PDB file of N, CA and C in Angstrom:
ATOM      1  N   ARG A   1      18.768  -7.683   4.798  1.00  0.00           N
ATOM      2  CA  ARG A   1      18.663  -6.275   5.088  1.00  0.00           C
ATOM      3  C   ARG A   1      17.192  -5.845   4.840  1.00  0.00           C
ATOM      4  N   VAL A   2      16.630  -5.117   5.764  1.00  0.00           N
ATOM      5  CA  VAL A   2      15.239  -4.650   5.637  1.00  0.00           C
ATOM      6  C   VAL A   2      15.250  -3.157   5.367  1.00  0.00           C
ATOM      7  N   GLU A   3      14.481  -2.775   4.347  1.00  0.00           N
ATOM      8  CA  GLU A   3      14.338  -1.350   4.016  1.00  0.00           C
ATOM      9  C   GLU A   3      12.862  -0.998   3.992  1.00  0.00           C
ATOM     10  N   VAL A   4      12.592   0.227   4.282  1.00  0.00           N
ATOM     11  CA  VAL A   4      11.232   0.748   4.240  1.00  0.00           C
ATOM     12  C   VAL A   4      11.219   1.824   3.156  1.00  0.00           C
ATOM     13  N   CYS A   5      10.172   1.798   2.342  1.00  0.00           N
ATOM     14  CA  CYS A   5      10.057   2.861   1.330  1.00  0.00           C
ATOM     15  C   CYS A   5       8.624   3.401   1.363  1.00  0.00           C
ATOM     16  N   GLN A   6       8.514   4.623   0.953  1.00  0.00           N
ATOM     17  CA  GLN A   6       7.205   5.275   0.876  1.00  0.00           C
ATOM     18  C   GLN A   6       7.096   5.906  -0.498  1.00  0.00           C
ATOM     19  N   ALA A   7       5.994   5.694  -1.158  1.00  0.00           N
ATOM     20  CA  ALA A   7       5.795   6.234  -2.507  1.00  0.00           C
ATOM     21  C   ALA A   7       4.347   6.628  -2.698  1.00  0.00           C
ATOM     22  N   SER A   8       4.136   7.586  -3.522  1.00  0.00           N
ATOM     23  CA  SER A   8       2.783   8.041  -3.877  1.00  0.00           C
ATOM     24  C   SER A   8       2.191   7.061  -4.878  1.00  0.00           C
ATOM     25  N   LEU A   9       0.858   7.023  -4.913  1.00  0.00           N
ATOM     26  CA  LEU A   9       0.166   6.195  -5.891  1.00  0.00           C
ATOM     27  C   LEU A   9       0.121   6.944  -7.230  1.00  0.00           C
ATOM     28  N   PRO A  10       0.112   6.254  -8.349  1.00  0.00           N
ATOM     29  CA  PRO A  10       0.269   4.824  -8.506  1.00  0.00           C
ATOM     30  C   PRO A  10       1.723   4.437  -8.332  1.00  0.00           C
ATOM     31  N   LEU A  11       1.975   3.245  -7.842  1.00  0.00           N
ATOM     32  CA  LEU A  11       3.341   2.774  -7.588  1.00  0.00           C
ATOM     33  C   LEU A  11       4.088   2.414  -8.867  1.00  0.00           C
ATOM     34  N   GLY A  12       3.388   1.824  -9.819  1.00  0.00           N
ATOM     35  CA  GLY A  12       4.037   1.414 -11.057  1.00  0.00           C
ATOM     36  C   GLY A  12       4.872   0.131 -10.878  1.00  0.00           C
ATOM     37  N   ILE A  13       4.379  -0.779 -10.030  1.00  0.00           N
ATOM     38  CA  ILE A  13       5.082  -2.046  -9.819  1.00  0.00           C
ATOM     39  C   ILE A  13       4.081  -3.191 -10.021  1.00  0.00           C
ATOM     40  N   ILE A  14       4.639  -4.363 -10.384  1.00  0.00           N
ATOM     41  CA  ILE A  14       3.851  -5.557 -10.498  1.00  0.00           C
ATOM     42  C   ILE A  14       4.399  -6.568  -9.498  1.00  0.00           C
ATOM     43  N   LEU A  15       3.533  -7.134  -8.701  1.00  0.00           N
ATOM     44  CA  LEU A  15       3.919  -8.105  -7.692  1.00  0.00           C
ATOM     45  C   LEU A  15       3.562  -9.518  -8.120  1.00  0.00           C
ATOM     46  N   GLY A  16       4.335 -10.468  -7.642  1.00  0.00           N
ATOM     47  CA  GLY A  16       4.022 -11.859  -7.933  1.00  0.00           C
ATOM     48  C   GLY A  16       4.478 -12.751  -6.809  1.00  0.00           C
ATOM     49  N   GLU A  17       3.959 -13.969  -6.761  1.00  0.00           N
ATOM     50  CA  GLU A  17       4.310 -14.909  -5.695  1.00  0.00           C
ATOM     51  C   GLU A  17       5.495 -15.758  -6.172  1.00  0.00           C
ATOM     52  N   SER A  18       6.449 -15.969  -5.268  1.00  0.00           N
ATOM     53  CA  SER A  18       7.635 -16.794  -5.567  1.00  0.00           C
ATOM     54  C   SER A  18       7.215 -18.234  -5.904  1.00  0.00           C
ATOM     55  N   GLU A  19       7.881 -18.813  -6.893  1.00  0.00           N
ATOM     56  CA  GLU A  19       7.594 -20.206  -7.238  1.00  0.00           C
ATOM     57  C   GLU A  19       8.329 -21.144  -6.287  1.00  0.00           C
ATOM     58  N   GLU A  20       9.486 -20.662  -5.772  1.00  0.00           N
ATOM     59  CA  GLU A  20      10.288 -21.513  -4.862  1.00  0.00           C
ATOM     60  C   GLU A  20       9.739 -21.546  -3.438  1.00  0.00           C
ATOM     61  N   ILE A  21       9.269 -20.418  -2.953  1.00  0.00           N
ATOM     62  CA  ILE A  21       8.789 -20.330  -1.580  1.00  0.00           C
ATOM     63  C   ILE A  21       7.337 -19.826  -1.563  1.00  0.00           C
ATOM     64  N   PRO A  22       6.353 -20.721  -1.379  1.00  0.00           N
ATOM     65  CA  PRO A  22       4.946 -20.289  -1.382  1.00  0.00           C
ATOM     66  C   PRO A  22       4.698 -19.235  -0.292  1.00  0.00           C
ATOM     67  N   GLY A  23       3.980 -18.215  -0.670  1.00  0.00           N
ATOM     68  CA  GLY A  23       3.644 -17.140   0.264  1.00  0.00           C
ATOM     69  C   GLY A  23       4.619 -15.986   0.243  1.00  0.00           C
ATOM     70  N   MET A  24       5.766 -16.109  -0.444  1.00  0.00           N
ATOM     71  CA  MET A  24       6.733 -15.023  -0.530  1.00  0.00           C
ATOM     72  C   MET A  24       6.352 -14.151  -1.741  1.00  0.00           C
ATOM     73  N   VAL A  25       6.126 -12.877  -1.481  1.00  0.00           N
ATOM     74  CA  VAL A  25       5.719 -11.936  -2.515  1.00  0.00           C
ATOM     75  C   VAL A  25       6.899 -11.141  -2.994  1.00  0.00           C
ATOM     76  N   LEU A  26       7.128 -11.174  -4.291  1.00  0.00           N
ATOM     77  CA  LEU A  26       8.291 -10.482  -4.882  1.00  0.00           C
ATOM     78  C   LEU A  26       7.820  -9.403  -5.867  1.00  0.00           C
ATOM     79  N   VAL A  27       8.699  -8.425  -6.085  1.00  0.00           N
ATOM     80  CA  VAL A  27       8.451  -7.421  -7.129  1.00  0.00           C
ATOM     81  C   VAL A  27       8.920  -8.016  -8.462  1.00  0.00           C
ATOM     82  N   ASP A  28       7.956  -8.208  -9.379  1.00  0.00           N
ATOM     83  CA  ASP A  28       8.286  -8.788 -10.688  1.00  0.00           C
ATOM     84  C   ASP A  28       8.754  -7.741 -11.668  1.00  0.00           C
ATOM     85  N   GLU A  29       8.117  -6.579 -11.638  1.00  0.00           N
ATOM     86  CA  GLU A  29       8.452  -5.504 -12.586  1.00  0.00           C
ATOM     87  C   GLU A  29       8.312  -4.142 -11.932  1.00  0.00           C
ATOM     88  N   VAL A  30       9.177  -3.213 -12.350  1.00  0.00           N
ATOM     89  CA  VAL A  30       9.089  -1.811 -11.909  1.00  0.00           C
ATOM     90  C   VAL A  30       9.065  -0.962 -13.190  1.00  0.00           C
ATOM     91  N   THR A  31       8.047  -0.136 -13.352  1.00  0.00           N
ATOM     92  CA  THR A  31       7.921   0.718 -14.523  1.00  0.00           C
ATOM     93  C   THR A  31       8.954   1.813 -14.462  1.00  0.00           C
ATOM     94  N   PRO A  32       9.745   1.978 -15.535  1.00  0.00           N
ATOM     95  CA  PRO A  32      10.735   3.061 -15.562  1.00  0.00           C
ATOM     96  C   PRO A  32      10.051   4.433 -15.354  1.00  0.00           C
ATOM     97  N   GLY A  33      10.639   5.234 -14.497  1.00  0.00           N
ATOM     98  CA  GLY A  33      10.098   6.587 -14.235  1.00  0.00           C
ATOM     99  C   GLY A  33       8.923   6.616 -13.282  1.00  0.00           C
ATOM    100  N   SER A  34       8.548   5.462 -12.706  1.00  0.00           N
ATOM    101  CA  SER A  34       7.404   5.363 -11.814  1.00  0.00           C
ATOM    102  C   SER A  34       7.710   5.837 -10.411  1.00  0.00           C
ATOM    103  N   ASN A  35       6.672   6.008  -9.606  1.00  0.00           N
ATOM    104  CA  ASN A  35       6.851   6.369  -8.192  1.00  0.00           C
ATOM    105  C   ASN A  35       7.578   5.296  -7.439  1.00  0.00           C
ATOM    106  N   GLY A  36       7.341   4.020  -7.801  1.00  0.00           N
ATOM    107  CA  GLY A  36       8.042   2.908  -7.164  1.00  0.00           C
ATOM    108  C   GLY A  36       9.532   2.979  -7.425  1.00  0.00           C
ATOM    109  N   GLU A  37       9.902   3.253  -8.679  1.00  0.00           N
ATOM    110  CA  GLU A  37      11.336   3.369  -9.008  1.00  0.00           C
ATOM    111  C   GLU A  37      11.956   4.539  -8.275  1.00  0.00           C
ATOM    112  N   ALA A  38      11.270   5.647  -8.207  1.00  0.00           N
ATOM    113  CA  ALA A  38      11.788   6.818  -7.475  1.00  0.00           C
ATOM    114  C   ALA A  38      12.001   6.533  -5.997  1.00  0.00           C
ATOM    115  N   ALA A  39      11.168   5.612  -5.437  1.00  0.00           N
ATOM    116  CA  ALA A  39      11.296   5.251  -4.018  1.00  0.00           C
ATOM    117  C   ALA A  39      12.388   4.193  -3.794  1.00  0.00           C
ATOM    118  N   GLY A  40      12.975   3.678  -4.880  1.00  0.00           N
ATOM    119  CA  GLY A  40      14.047   2.721  -4.725  1.00  0.00           C
ATOM    120  C   GLY A  40      13.641   1.247  -4.815  1.00  0.00           C
ATOM    121  N   VAL A  41      12.390   0.990  -5.222  1.00  0.00           N
ATOM    122  CA  VAL A  41      11.920  -0.381  -5.340  1.00  0.00           C
ATOM    123  C   VAL A  41      12.605  -0.977  -6.587  1.00  0.00           C
ATOM    124  N   GLN A  42      13.071  -2.220  -6.448  1.00  0.00           N
ATOM    125  CA  GLN A  42      13.769  -2.907  -7.529  1.00  0.00           C
ATOM    126  C   GLN A  42      13.154  -4.306  -7.770  1.00  0.00           C
ATOM    127  N   GLU A  43      13.310  -4.779  -9.016  1.00  0.00           N
ATOM    128  CA  GLU A  43      12.839  -6.116  -9.331  1.00  0.00           C
ATOM    129  C   GLU A  43      13.560  -7.122  -8.422  1.00  0.00           C
ATOM    130  N   GLY A  44      12.793  -8.086  -7.902  1.00  0.00           N
ATOM    131  CA  GLY A  44      13.345  -9.095  -7.021  1.00  0.00           C
ATOM    132  C   GLY A  44      13.232  -8.763  -5.543  1.00  0.00           C
ATOM    133  N   ASP A  45      12.826  -7.508  -5.232  1.00  0.00           N
ATOM    134  CA  ASP A  45      12.633  -7.156  -3.812  1.00  0.00           C
ATOM    135  C   ASP A  45      11.520  -8.006  -3.227  1.00  0.00           C
ATOM    136  N   ILE A  46      11.641  -8.324  -1.951  1.00  0.00           N
ATOM    137  CA  ILE A  46      10.666  -9.113  -1.225  1.00  0.00           C
ATOM    138  C   ILE A  46       9.731  -8.177  -0.470  1.00  0.00           C
ATOM    139  N   LEU A  47       8.417  -8.395  -0.633  1.00  0.00           N
ATOM    140  CA  LEU A  47       7.439  -7.580   0.126  1.00  0.00           C
ATOM    141  C   LEU A  47       7.111  -8.299   1.414  1.00  0.00           C
ATOM    142  N   ARG A  48       7.382  -7.651   2.557  1.00  0.00           N
ATOM    143  CA  ARG A  48       7.117  -8.274   3.843  1.00  0.00           C
ATOM    144  C   ARG A  48       5.794  -7.760   4.452  1.00  0.00           C
ATOM    145  N   ALA A  49       5.455  -6.504   4.141  1.00  0.00           N
ATOM    146  CA  ALA A  49       4.243  -5.901   4.668  1.00  0.00           C
ATOM    147  C   ALA A  49       3.913  -4.715   3.808  1.00  0.00           C
ATOM    148  N   CYS A  50       2.667  -4.279   3.846  1.00  0.00           N
ATOM    149  CA  CYS A  50       2.286  -3.056   3.141  1.00  0.00           C
ATOM    150  C   CYS A  50       1.261  -2.312   4.002  1.00  0.00           C
ATOM    151  N   THR A  51       1.181  -1.020   3.792  1.00  0.00           N
ATOM    152  CA  THR A  51       0.215  -0.227   4.497  1.00  0.00           C
ATOM    153  C   THR A  51      -0.732   0.432   3.496  1.00  0.00           C
ATOM    154  N   ALA A  52      -1.885   0.791   4.004  1.00  0.00           N
ATOM    155  CA  ALA A  52      -2.866   1.482   3.192  1.00  0.00           C
ATOM    156  C   ALA A  52      -3.576   2.495   4.083  1.00  0.00           C
ATOM    157  N   CYS A  53      -4.019   3.560   3.457  1.00  0.00           N
ATOM    158  CA  CYS A  53      -4.748   4.585   4.193  1.00  0.00           C
ATOM    159  C   CYS A  53      -6.193   4.663   3.668  1.00  0.00           C
ATOM    160  N   GLN A  54      -7.110   4.869   4.582  1.00  0.00           N
ATOM    161  CA  GLN A  54      -8.526   5.017   4.205  1.00  0.00           C
ATOM    162  C   GLN A  54      -8.957   6.388   4.695  1.00  0.00           C
ATOM    163  N   VAL A  55      -9.458   7.207   3.818  1.00  0.00           N
ATOM    164  CA  VAL A  55      -9.903   8.545   4.182  1.00  0.00           C
ATOM    165  C   VAL A  55     -11.439   8.552   4.136  1.00  0.00           C
ATOM    166  N   THR A  56     -12.042   8.948   5.276  1.00  0.00           N
ATOM    167  CA  THR A  56     -13.493   9.069   5.341  1.00  0.00           C
ATOM    168  C   THR A  56     -13.849  10.450   5.792  1.00  0.00           C
ATOM    169  N   MET A  57     -15.052  10.869   5.501  1.00  0.00           N
ATOM    170  CA  MET A  57     -15.546  12.163   5.958  1.00  0.00           C
ATOM    171  C   MET A  57     -16.435  11.939   7.165  1.00  0.00           C
ATOM    172  N   GLU A  58     -16.076  12.600   8.250  1.00  0.00           N
ATOM    173  CA  GLU A  58     -16.911  12.556   9.447  1.00  0.00           C
ATOM    174  C   GLU A  58     -17.685  13.848   9.544  1.00  0.00           C
ATOM    175  N   THR A  59     -18.972  13.712   9.705  1.00  0.00           N
ATOM    176  CA  THR A  59     -19.813  14.890   9.763  1.00  0.00           C
ATOM    177  C   THR A  59     -20.705  14.857  11.025  1.00  0.00           C
ATOM    178  N   PRO A  60     -20.387  15.648  12.026  1.00  0.00           N
ATOM    179  CA  PRO A  60     -21.256  15.723  13.190  1.00  0.00           C
ATOM    180  C   PRO A  60     -22.603  16.282  12.801  1.00  0.00           C
ATOM    181  N   THR A  61     -23.661  15.890  13.509  1.00  0.00           N
ATOM    182  CA  THR A  61     -25.030  16.304  13.191  1.00  0.00           C
ATOM    183  C   THR A  61     -25.154  17.827  13.096  1.00  0.00           C
ATOM    184  N   TRP A  62     -24.513  18.530  14.056  1.00  0.00           N
ATOM    185  CA  TRP A  62     -24.643  20.003  14.022  1.00  0.00           C
ATOM    186  C   TRP A  62     -24.042  20.594  12.759  1.00  0.00           C
ATOM    187  N   GLN A  63     -23.014  19.927  12.204  1.00  0.00           N
ATOM    188  CA  GLN A  63     -22.412  20.446  11.006  1.00  0.00           C
ATOM    189  C   GLN A  63     -23.315  20.204   9.786  1.00  0.00           C
ATOM    190  N   LEU A  64     -23.985  19.041   9.778  1.00  0.00           N
ATOM    191  CA  LEU A  64     -24.937  18.769   8.701  1.00  0.00           C
ATOM    192  C   LEU A  64     -26.091  19.789   8.713  1.00  0.00           C
ATOM    193  N   LEU A  65     -26.602  20.112   9.920  1.00  0.00           N
ATOM    194  CA  LEU A  65     -27.692  21.061  10.061  1.00  0.00           C
ATOM    195  C   LEU A  65     -27.249  22.438   9.599  1.00  0.00           C
ATOM    196  N   ALA A  66     -25.961  22.749   9.757  1.00  0.00           N
ATOM    197  CA  ALA A  66     -25.450  24.068   9.367  1.00  0.00           C
ATOM    198  C   ALA A  66     -25.020  24.078   7.907  1.00  0.00           C
ATOM    199  N   GLY A  67     -25.129  22.927   7.226  1.00  0.00           N
ATOM    200  CA  GLY A  67     -24.780  22.889   5.801  1.00  0.00           C
ATOM    201  C   GLY A  67     -23.314  22.579   5.545  1.00  0.00           C
ATOM    202  N   GLY A  68     -22.623  22.095   6.567  1.00  0.00           N
ATOM    203  CA  GLY A  68     -21.209  21.755   6.391  1.00  0.00           C
ATOM    204  C   GLY A  68     -20.999  20.429   5.701  1.00  0.00           C
ATOM    205  N   ILE A  69     -19.768  20.164   5.308  1.00  0.00           N
ATOM    206  CA  ILE A  69     -19.487  18.908   4.620  1.00  0.00           C
ATOM    207  C   ILE A  69     -18.672  17.946   5.479  1.00  0.00           C
ATOM    208  N   GLY A  70     -18.209  18.355   6.634  1.00  0.00           N
ATOM    209  CA  GLY A  70     -17.505  17.465   7.512  1.00  0.00           C
ATOM    210  C   GLY A  70     -16.004  17.643   7.446  1.00  0.00           C
ATOM    211  N   GLN A  71     -15.305  16.762   8.156  1.00  0.00           N
ATOM    212  CA  GLN A  71     -13.846  16.814   8.210  1.00  0.00           C
ATOM    213  C   GLN A  71     -13.267  15.461   7.817  1.00  0.00           C
ATOM    214  N   PRO A  72     -12.208  15.457   7.031  1.00  0.00           N
ATOM    215  CA  PRO A  72     -11.631  14.163   6.666  1.00  0.00           C
ATOM    216  C   PRO A  72     -10.914  13.509   7.878  1.00  0.00           C
ATOM    217  N   LYS A  73     -11.054  12.186   7.944  1.00  0.00           N
ATOM    218  CA  LYS A  73     -10.381  11.413   8.978  1.00  0.00           C
ATOM    219  C   LYS A  73      -9.639  10.290   8.281  1.00  0.00           C
ATOM    220  N   THR A  74      -8.377  10.126   8.613  1.00  0.00           N
ATOM    221  CA  THR A  74      -7.527   9.102   7.956  1.00  0.00           C
ATOM    222  C   THR A  74      -7.220   7.986   8.907  1.00  0.00           C
ATOM    223  N   LYS A  75      -7.427   6.740   8.436  1.00  0.00           N
ATOM    224  CA  LYS A  75      -7.066   5.560   9.208  1.00  0.00           C
ATOM    225  C   LYS A  75      -5.951   4.834   8.420  1.00  0.00           C
ATOM    226  N   ARG A  76      -4.922   4.409   9.117  1.00  0.00           N
ATOM    227  CA  ARG A  76      -3.824   3.680   8.491  1.00  0.00           C
ATOM    228  C   ARG A  76      -3.893   2.193   8.934  1.00  0.00           C
ATOM    229  N   PHE A  77      -3.761   1.318   7.933  1.00  0.00           N
ATOM    230  CA  PHE A  77      -3.771  -0.105   8.176  1.00  0.00           C
ATOM    231  C   PHE A  77      -2.436  -0.706   7.742  1.00  0.00           C
ATOM    232  N   MET A  78      -1.938  -1.706   8.470  1.00  0.00           N
ATOM    233  CA  MET A  78      -0.747  -2.414   8.055  1.00  0.00           C
ATOM    234  C   MET A  78      -1.077  -3.871   7.892  1.00  0.00           C
ATOM    235  N   PHE A  79      -0.660  -4.441   6.794  1.00  0.00           N
ATOM    236  CA  PHE A  79      -0.953  -5.821   6.443  1.00  0.00           C
ATOM    237  C   PHE A  79       0.351  -6.600   6.330  1.00  0.00           C
ATOM    238  N   SER A  80       0.495  -7.672   7.098  1.00  0.00           N
ATOM    239  CA  SER A  80       1.654  -8.544   6.997  1.00  0.00           C
ATOM    240  C   SER A  80       1.441  -9.505   5.874  1.00  0.00           C
ATOM    241  N   VAL A  81       2.486  -9.732   5.090  1.00  0.00           N
ATOM    242  CA  VAL A  81       2.405 -10.611   3.931  1.00  0.00           C
ATOM    243  C   VAL A  81       3.011 -11.984   4.242  1.00  0.00           C
ATOM    244  N   ASP A  82       3.908 -12.051   5.204  1.00  0.00           N
ATOM    245  CA  ASP A  82       4.689 -13.249   5.457  1.00  0.00           C
ATOM    246  C   ASP A  82       3.883 -14.538   5.506  1.00  0.00           C
ATOM    247  N   GLY A  83       4.235 -15.458   4.615  1.00  0.00           N
ATOM    248  CA  GLY A  83       3.648 -16.778   4.660  1.00  0.00           C
ATOM    249  C   GLY A  83       2.239 -16.920   4.116  1.00  0.00           C
ATOM    250  N   ARG A  84       1.642 -15.831   3.624  1.00  0.00           N
ATOM    251  CA  ARG A  84       0.275 -15.930   3.094  1.00  0.00           C
ATOM    252  C   ARG A  84       0.287 -15.497   1.622  1.00  0.00           C
ATOM    253  N   PRO A  85      -0.498 -16.115   0.794  1.00  0.00           N
ATOM    254  CA  PRO A  85      -0.629 -15.645  -0.572  1.00  0.00           C
ATOM    255  C   PRO A  85      -1.068 -14.164  -0.574  1.00  0.00           C
ATOM    256  N   PHE A  86      -0.543 -13.398  -1.496  1.00  0.00           N
ATOM    257  CA  PHE A  86      -0.821 -11.976  -1.524  1.00  0.00           C
ATOM    258  C   PHE A  86      -2.310 -11.685  -1.675  1.00  0.00           C
ATOM    259  N   GLU A  87      -3.056 -12.583  -2.364  1.00  0.00           N
ATOM    260  CA  GLU A  87      -4.480 -12.357  -2.568  1.00  0.00           C
ATOM    261  C   GLU A  87      -5.215 -12.303  -1.224  1.00  0.00           C
ATOM    262  N   GLU A  88      -4.698 -12.950  -0.181  1.00  0.00           N
ATOM    263  CA  GLU A  88      -5.352 -12.962   1.105  1.00  0.00           C
ATOM    264  C   GLU A  88      -5.079 -11.683   1.904  1.00  0.00           C
ATOM    265  N   VAL A  89      -4.032 -10.959   1.535  1.00  0.00           N
ATOM    266  CA  VAL A  89      -3.654  -9.774   2.272  1.00  0.00           C
ATOM    267  C   VAL A  89      -4.491  -8.655   1.808  1.00  0.00           C
TER     268      VAL A  89
END
């Protein structure tokens, strides 16, 4: 069964690599009362992919000349974990 969860940072979880299946990333610990626990993450869950957001400020030249600070731009990235050590992801 595949589930998707979304949680605010910090997640309050510790991940580890399975000893039986190299490249399989598991949830080793979930901190009680954490955002991860509130999102339904449990010990032993398998991580198949994770996403991250990068926020940058874009400032057009005319805005800089006018003393503006720019507008935030968000990029979302998705990283597949399957079959690779988590450090590579």
